[in-house]
Amino acid sequence: MTTTAYDHWSDTYELFEGPMAEDTWRLGIGAELAKLAAPGPLRILDLGAGTGMGSRVLADLVPQGEVTSLDRSAAMLEHGGIPPELRIVGDMARFTAEPDSYDFVVSGFDALNYLTAVDLAECLGNAAAALRPGGHLVFDYSSRKVLQEDWRNLEHEETRDGVRLHRTHRWDPVLARSRSVLSLYGADGLLWRETHVQYVVDPFTMEELGRTAGLRTVRVRDIDGDGFTPGHTTHIYVLRKDEQGVVPNTGERA
């Protein structure tokens, strides 16, 4: 995921991804924060915020929350109209924030799938540092079924507002990652082309990465229900930074 690529994507991102991104946010992170959020002012940090879909959904579902949006692409943040004082241009794996300063750290629409396991571990550690004791990290995450099976060898395209987006998805078994190529065409031909690479870890690995970072896994569920199905397309993770700052290895979730 490169800044240049997402600078191109910023102009048409919501045209093609907007409705699905909003549904994903509402069913996943938004629903969880609506249940977890206490009355009174809250601070929320959105990692890989893009054009700010998360901040708009959360403004509706958690109106007491102030959302700070972090993304590598300044163009994405600007295109979304994120106020400068709530905008951070930075890497979601290697960001730094004031310690113990956020009630929630969130990341939506599979943004964390763009991180390798090493970068994901660093991201979780930085998120834990940014959270106040008792705060939560909440994110959605595409499953192995999507990347390794559904997108193993997939090609499709769609046309909206006079431009055509062609996508190819390929699973690389050697590097254990999904490689997607997006090509946007206008009336005069190719406008731009970019490559996205996504990774996946299983829920048990995610739980261990969280524990190492100082976060306890509270809940993992399918995006459209309360239960957990390994073969579902998208899972919602809720991790908590306990008051004492120590994550007990009990083998149980609360």
Protein backbone atom coordinates (compact mmCIF):
# COMPACT_ATOMS: atom_id res chain seq x y z
CA MET A 1 0.00 0.00 0.00
CA THR A 2 1.71 3.19 -1.16
CA THR A 3 0.90 6.82 -0.62
CA THR A 4 1.06 7.53 -4.37
CA ALA A 5 -1.39 4.74 -5.18
CA TYR A 6 -3.90 5.92 -2.63
CA ASP A 7 -3.53 9.49 -3.83
CA HIS A 8 -4.86 8.24 -7.20
CA TRP A 9 -7.57 6.13 -5.56
CA SER A 10 -8.82 9.05 -3.43
CA ASP A 11 -10.84 10.63 -6.25
CA THR A 12 -12.90 7.51 -6.98
CA TYR A 13 -12.63 5.51 -3.75
CA GLU A 14 -16.07 6.31 -2.39
CA LEU A 15 -17.68 6.04 -5.82
CA PHE A 16 -16.83 2.33 -5.91
CA GLU A 17 -16.30 1.42 -2.25
CA GLY A 18 -18.50 3.89 -0.36
CA PRO A 19 -21.73 1.89 0.17
CA MET A 20 -19.94 -1.33 1.15
CA ALA A 21 -17.50 0.54 3.40
CA GLU A 22 -20.35 2.28 5.21
CA ASP A 23 -22.23 -1.00 5.74
CA THR A 24 -19.06 -2.65 7.05
CA TRP A 25 -18.45 0.18 9.50
CA ARG A 26 -22.04 0.21 10.75
CA LEU A 27 -22.32 -3.56 11.20
CA GLY A 28 -18.89 -3.92 12.77
CA ILE A 29 -17.00 -1.16 14.53
CA GLY A 30 -19.97 1.20 14.80
CA ALA A 31 -22.19 -1.42 16.43
CA GLU A 32 -19.46 -2.36 18.93
CA LEU A 33 -18.67 1.23 19.92
CA ALA A 34 -22.36 2.04 20.30
CA LYS A 35 -22.49 -0.70 22.97
CA LEU A 36 -19.15 0.01 24.63
CA ALA A 37 -19.05 3.81 24.64
CA ALA A 38 -19.75 5.54 27.94
CA PRO A 39 -21.66 8.83 28.15
CA GLY A 40 -19.55 11.95 27.93
CA PRO A 41 -16.70 12.99 25.64
CA LEU A 42 -14.62 10.24 24.05
CA ARG A 43 -11.44 10.27 22.00
CA ILE A 44 -11.19 7.84 19.08
CA LEU A 45 -8.20 7.18 16.81
CA ASP A 46 -8.98 5.72 13.37
CA LEU A 47 -6.05 3.89 11.73
CA GLY A 48 -5.99 3.71 7.93
CA ALA A 49 -8.87 6.18 7.90
CA GLY A 50 -8.83 6.92 4.17
CA THR A 51 -11.53 9.42 3.26
CA GLY A 52 -13.03 9.37 6.74
CA MET A 53 -15.95 7.01 6.27
CA GLY A 54 -15.39 5.79 9.82
CA SER A 55 -15.53 9.27 11.32
CA ARG A 56 -18.84 9.95 9.56
CA VAL A 57 -20.42 6.67 10.68
CA LEU A 58 -19.19 7.11 14.24
CA ALA A 59 -20.47 10.70 14.33
CA ASP A 60 -23.92 9.19 13.80
CA LEU A 61 -23.63 6.19 16.13
CA VAL A 62 -21.31 7.61 18.81
CA PRO A 63 -21.90 11.38 18.63
CA GLN A 64 -19.99 12.01 21.86
CA GLY A 65 -16.78 10.77 20.23
CA GLU A 66 -14.11 12.96 18.65
CA VAL A 67 -12.39 11.00 15.88
CA THR A 68 -8.78 11.62 14.86
CA SER A 69 -8.07 10.13 11.42
CA LEU A 70 -4.65 8.68 10.54
CA ASP A 71 -3.68 7.62 7.02
CA ARG A 72 -0.55 7.50 4.86
CA SER A 73 -2.30 9.39 2.07
CA ALA A 74 -2.77 13.11 2.68
CA ALA A 75 -4.96 13.19 -0.45
CA MET A 76 -7.38 10.63 1.01
CA LEU A 77 -7.75 12.62 4.24
CA GLU A 78 -8.17 15.89 2.39
CA HIS A 79 -10.66 14.41 -0.07
CA GLY A 80 -12.74 13.24 2.89
CA GLY A 81 -12.84 16.72 4.37
CA ILE A 82 -11.13 15.70 7.62
CA PRO A 83 -10.44 18.86 9.66
CA PRO A 84 -6.69 19.60 9.77
CA GLU A 85 -6.62 19.45 13.58
CA LEU A 86 -8.06 15.90 13.47
CA ARG A 87 -5.83 14.69 10.63
CA ILE A 88 -2.58 12.72 10.99
CA VAL A 89 -0.55 11.71 7.94
CA GLY A 90 1.39 8.65 9.02
CA ASP A 91 1.95 4.90 8.87
CA MET A 92 -0.61 2.87 10.80
CA ALA A 93 2.03 0.34 11.85
CA ARG A 94 4.64 2.81 13.06
CA PHE A 95 2.54 5.68 14.35
CA THR A 96 3.06 7.25 17.75
CA ALA A 97 0.43 8.93 19.88
CA GLU A 98 0.27 10.46 23.31
CA PRO A 99 0.26 7.51 25.75
CA ASP A 100 -3.01 6.55 27.44
CA SER A 101 -4.89 9.24 25.51
CA TYR A 102 -7.62 7.44 23.53
CA ASP A 103 -10.75 5.63 24.67
CA PHE A 104 -10.90 3.66 21.41
CA VAL A 105 -8.52 2.85 18.59
CA VAL A 106 -10.35 1.56 15.52
CA SER A 107 -9.50 0.40 12.01
CA GLY A 108 -12.12 -0.36 9.40
CA PHE A 109 -12.77 -1.90 6.00
CA ASP A 110 -9.92 -4.44 6.23
CA ALA A 111 -7.17 -1.81 6.65
CA LEU A 112 -5.17 -4.05 8.99
CA ASN A 113 -5.05 -6.76 6.30
CA TYR A 114 -2.51 -4.55 4.52
CA LEU A 115 0.01 -5.22 7.30
CA THR A 116 2.41 -8.15 7.45
CA ALA A 117 2.40 -10.11 10.71
CA VAL A 118 5.48 -8.17 11.84
CA ASP A 119 3.89 -4.80 11.07
CA LEU A 120 0.60 -5.94 12.59
CA ALA A 121 2.37 -6.76 15.86
CA GLU A 122 3.94 -3.29 15.87
CA CYS A 123 0.58 -1.69 15.12
CA LEU A 124 -1.11 -3.51 18.01
CA GLY A 125 1.68 -2.46 20.35
CA ASN A 126 1.34 1.19 19.36
CA ALA A 127 -2.44 0.99 19.65
CA ALA A 128 -2.11 -0.44 23.16
CA ALA A 129 0.23 2.40 24.12
CA ALA A 130 -2.24 4.98 22.78
CA LEU A 131 -5.21 3.52 24.66
CA ARG A 132 -6.08 4.57 28.16
CA PRO A 133 -6.42 1.68 30.66
CA GLY A 134 -9.83 0.14 30.05
CA GLY A 135 -9.87 1.33 26.44
CA HIS A 136 -10.60 -0.87 23.43
CA LEU A 137 -9.10 -1.64 20.04
CA VAL A 138 -11.91 -2.54 17.60
CA PHE A 139 -11.38 -3.53 13.97
CA ASP A 140 -12.72 -5.63 11.11
CA TYR A 141 -10.47 -8.12 9.34
CA SER A 142 -10.91 -10.14 6.16
CA SER A 143 -10.64 -13.88 6.71
CA ARG A 144 -8.30 -16.39 5.10
CA LYS A 145 -11.30 -17.74 3.18
CA VAL A 146 -11.68 -14.45 1.32
CA LEU A 147 -8.04 -13.94 0.42
CA GLN A 148 -6.94 -17.53 -0.13
CA GLU A 149 -10.12 -19.08 -1.56
CA ASP A 150 -12.64 -16.50 -2.80
CA TRP A 151 -9.92 -14.25 -4.26
CA ARG A 152 -7.55 -17.03 -5.31
CA ASN A 153 -8.05 -16.26 -9.00
CA LEU A 154 -10.77 -13.62 -9.34
CA GLU A 155 -11.34 -10.98 -11.98
CA HIS A 156 -14.23 -8.52 -12.26
CA GLU A 157 -15.10 -4.98 -13.30
CA GLU A 158 -17.80 -2.37 -12.86
CA THR A 159 -18.65 0.98 -14.45
CA ARG A 160 -19.91 4.02 -12.57
CA ASP A 161 -20.23 7.66 -13.59
CA GLY A 162 -18.45 7.06 -16.88
CA VAL A 163 -15.35 5.33 -15.50
CA ARG A 164 -14.63 1.60 -15.43
CA LEU A 165 -12.76 -0.14 -12.62
CA HIS A 166 -11.17 -3.49 -13.46
CA ARG A 167 -9.86 -5.66 -10.62
CA THR A 168 -7.83 -8.84 -10.55
CA HIS A 169 -7.11 -10.76 -7.34
CA ARG A 170 -4.50 -13.51 -7.09
CA TRP A 171 -3.40 -15.54 -4.06
CA ASP A 172 0.35 -16.09 -3.90
CA PRO A 173 0.93 -19.41 -2.07
CA VAL A 174 4.69 -18.89 -1.88
CA LEU A 175 4.52 -15.51 -0.14
CA ALA A 176 1.15 -16.28 1.52
CA ARG A 177 -0.48 -13.04 0.45
CA SER A 178 -3.15 -11.71 -1.89
CA ARG A 179 -2.16 -9.39 -4.71
CA SER A 180 -4.84 -7.18 -6.26
CA VAL A 181 -4.37 -4.98 -9.32
CA LEU A 182 -6.84 -2.12 -9.81
CA SER A 183 -7.06 -0.39 -13.19
CA LEU A 184 -9.29 2.62 -13.80
CA TYR A 185 -10.35 3.45 -17.37
CA GLY A 186 -12.01 6.56 -18.76
CA ALA A 187 -13.29 7.37 -22.23
CA ASP A 188 -9.73 7.82 -23.53
CA GLY A 189 -8.25 4.70 -21.96
CA LEU A 190 -6.27 3.86 -18.84
CA LEU A 191 -6.27 6.59 -16.18
CA TRP A 192 -4.19 4.79 -13.57
CA ARG A 193 -3.22 1.36 -12.27
CA GLU A 194 -2.14 0.35 -8.78
CA THR A 195 -1.35 -2.80 -6.83
CA HIS A 196 -2.61 -3.70 -3.36
CA VAL A 197 -1.10 -6.49 -1.26
CA GLN A 198 -3.01 -8.01 1.66
CA TYR A 199 -2.09 -10.52 4.34
CA VAL A 200 -4.01 -12.57 6.88
CA VAL A 201 -3.37 -14.17 10.25
CA ASP A 202 -5.74 -16.61 11.95
CA PRO A 203 -7.74 -15.61 15.05
CA PHE A 204 -5.46 -17.55 17.41
CA THR A 205 -2.39 -15.73 16.10
CA MET A 206 -4.26 -12.43 16.35
CA GLU A 207 -5.10 -13.17 19.98
CA GLU A 208 -1.45 -13.93 20.77
CA LEU A 209 -0.25 -10.78 19.01
CA GLY A 210 -2.74 -8.81 21.04
CA ARG A 211 -1.70 -10.45 24.28
CA THR A 212 1.95 -9.68 23.58
CA ALA A 213 0.99 -6.05 22.97
CA GLY A 214 -0.91 -5.87 26.28
CA LEU A 215 -4.41 -6.33 24.87
CA ARG A 216 -6.93 -8.97 25.92
CA THR A 217 -9.29 -10.38 23.29
CA VAL A 218 -12.82 -9.76 24.51
CA ARG A 219 -14.78 -10.84 21.46
CA VAL A 220 -14.40 -12.11 17.90
CA ARG A 221 -17.56 -12.37 15.82
CA ASP A 222 -18.85 -12.53 12.27
CA ILE A 223 -19.63 -9.09 10.91
CA ASP A 224 -23.32 -9.90 10.47
CA GLY A 225 -24.00 -11.79 13.69
CA ASP A 226 -23.01 -12.53 17.27
CA GLY A 227 -21.41 -15.91 16.55
CA PHE A 228 -18.02 -16.80 15.12
CA THR A 229 -17.65 -18.83 11.92
CA PRO A 230 -14.07 -19.48 10.74
CA GLY A 231 -15.17 -19.51 7.10
CA HIS A 232 -17.00 -16.19 7.24
CA THR A 233 -15.72 -13.39 5.02
CA THR A 234 -15.13 -10.74 7.70
CA HIS A 235 -14.62 -10.87 11.46
CA ILE A 236 -14.92 -8.15 14.08
CA TYR A 237 -12.28 -8.09 16.82
CA VAL A 238 -12.66 -6.34 20.17
CA LEU A 239 -9.51 -6.16 22.31
CA ARG A 240 -9.22 -4.44 25.68
CA LYS A 241 -6.34 -2.78 27.50
CA ASP A 242 -6.95 -3.91 31.06
CA GLU A 243 -6.73 -1.48 33.95
CA GLN A 244 -3.71 -3.20 35.46
CA GLY A 245 -1.88 -3.30 32.12
CA VAL A 246 -1.26 -7.05 32.42
CA VAL A 247 -3.08 -9.58 30.25
CA PRO A 248 -3.59 -12.84 32.17
CA ASN A 249 -3.12 -16.00 30.14
CA THR A 250 -6.24 -17.77 31.39
CA GLY A 251 -7.35 -19.26 28.10
CA GLU A 252 -10.78 -17.68 28.64
CA ARG A 253 -12.45 -14.58 27.26
CA ALA A 254 -14.65 -12.19 29.16
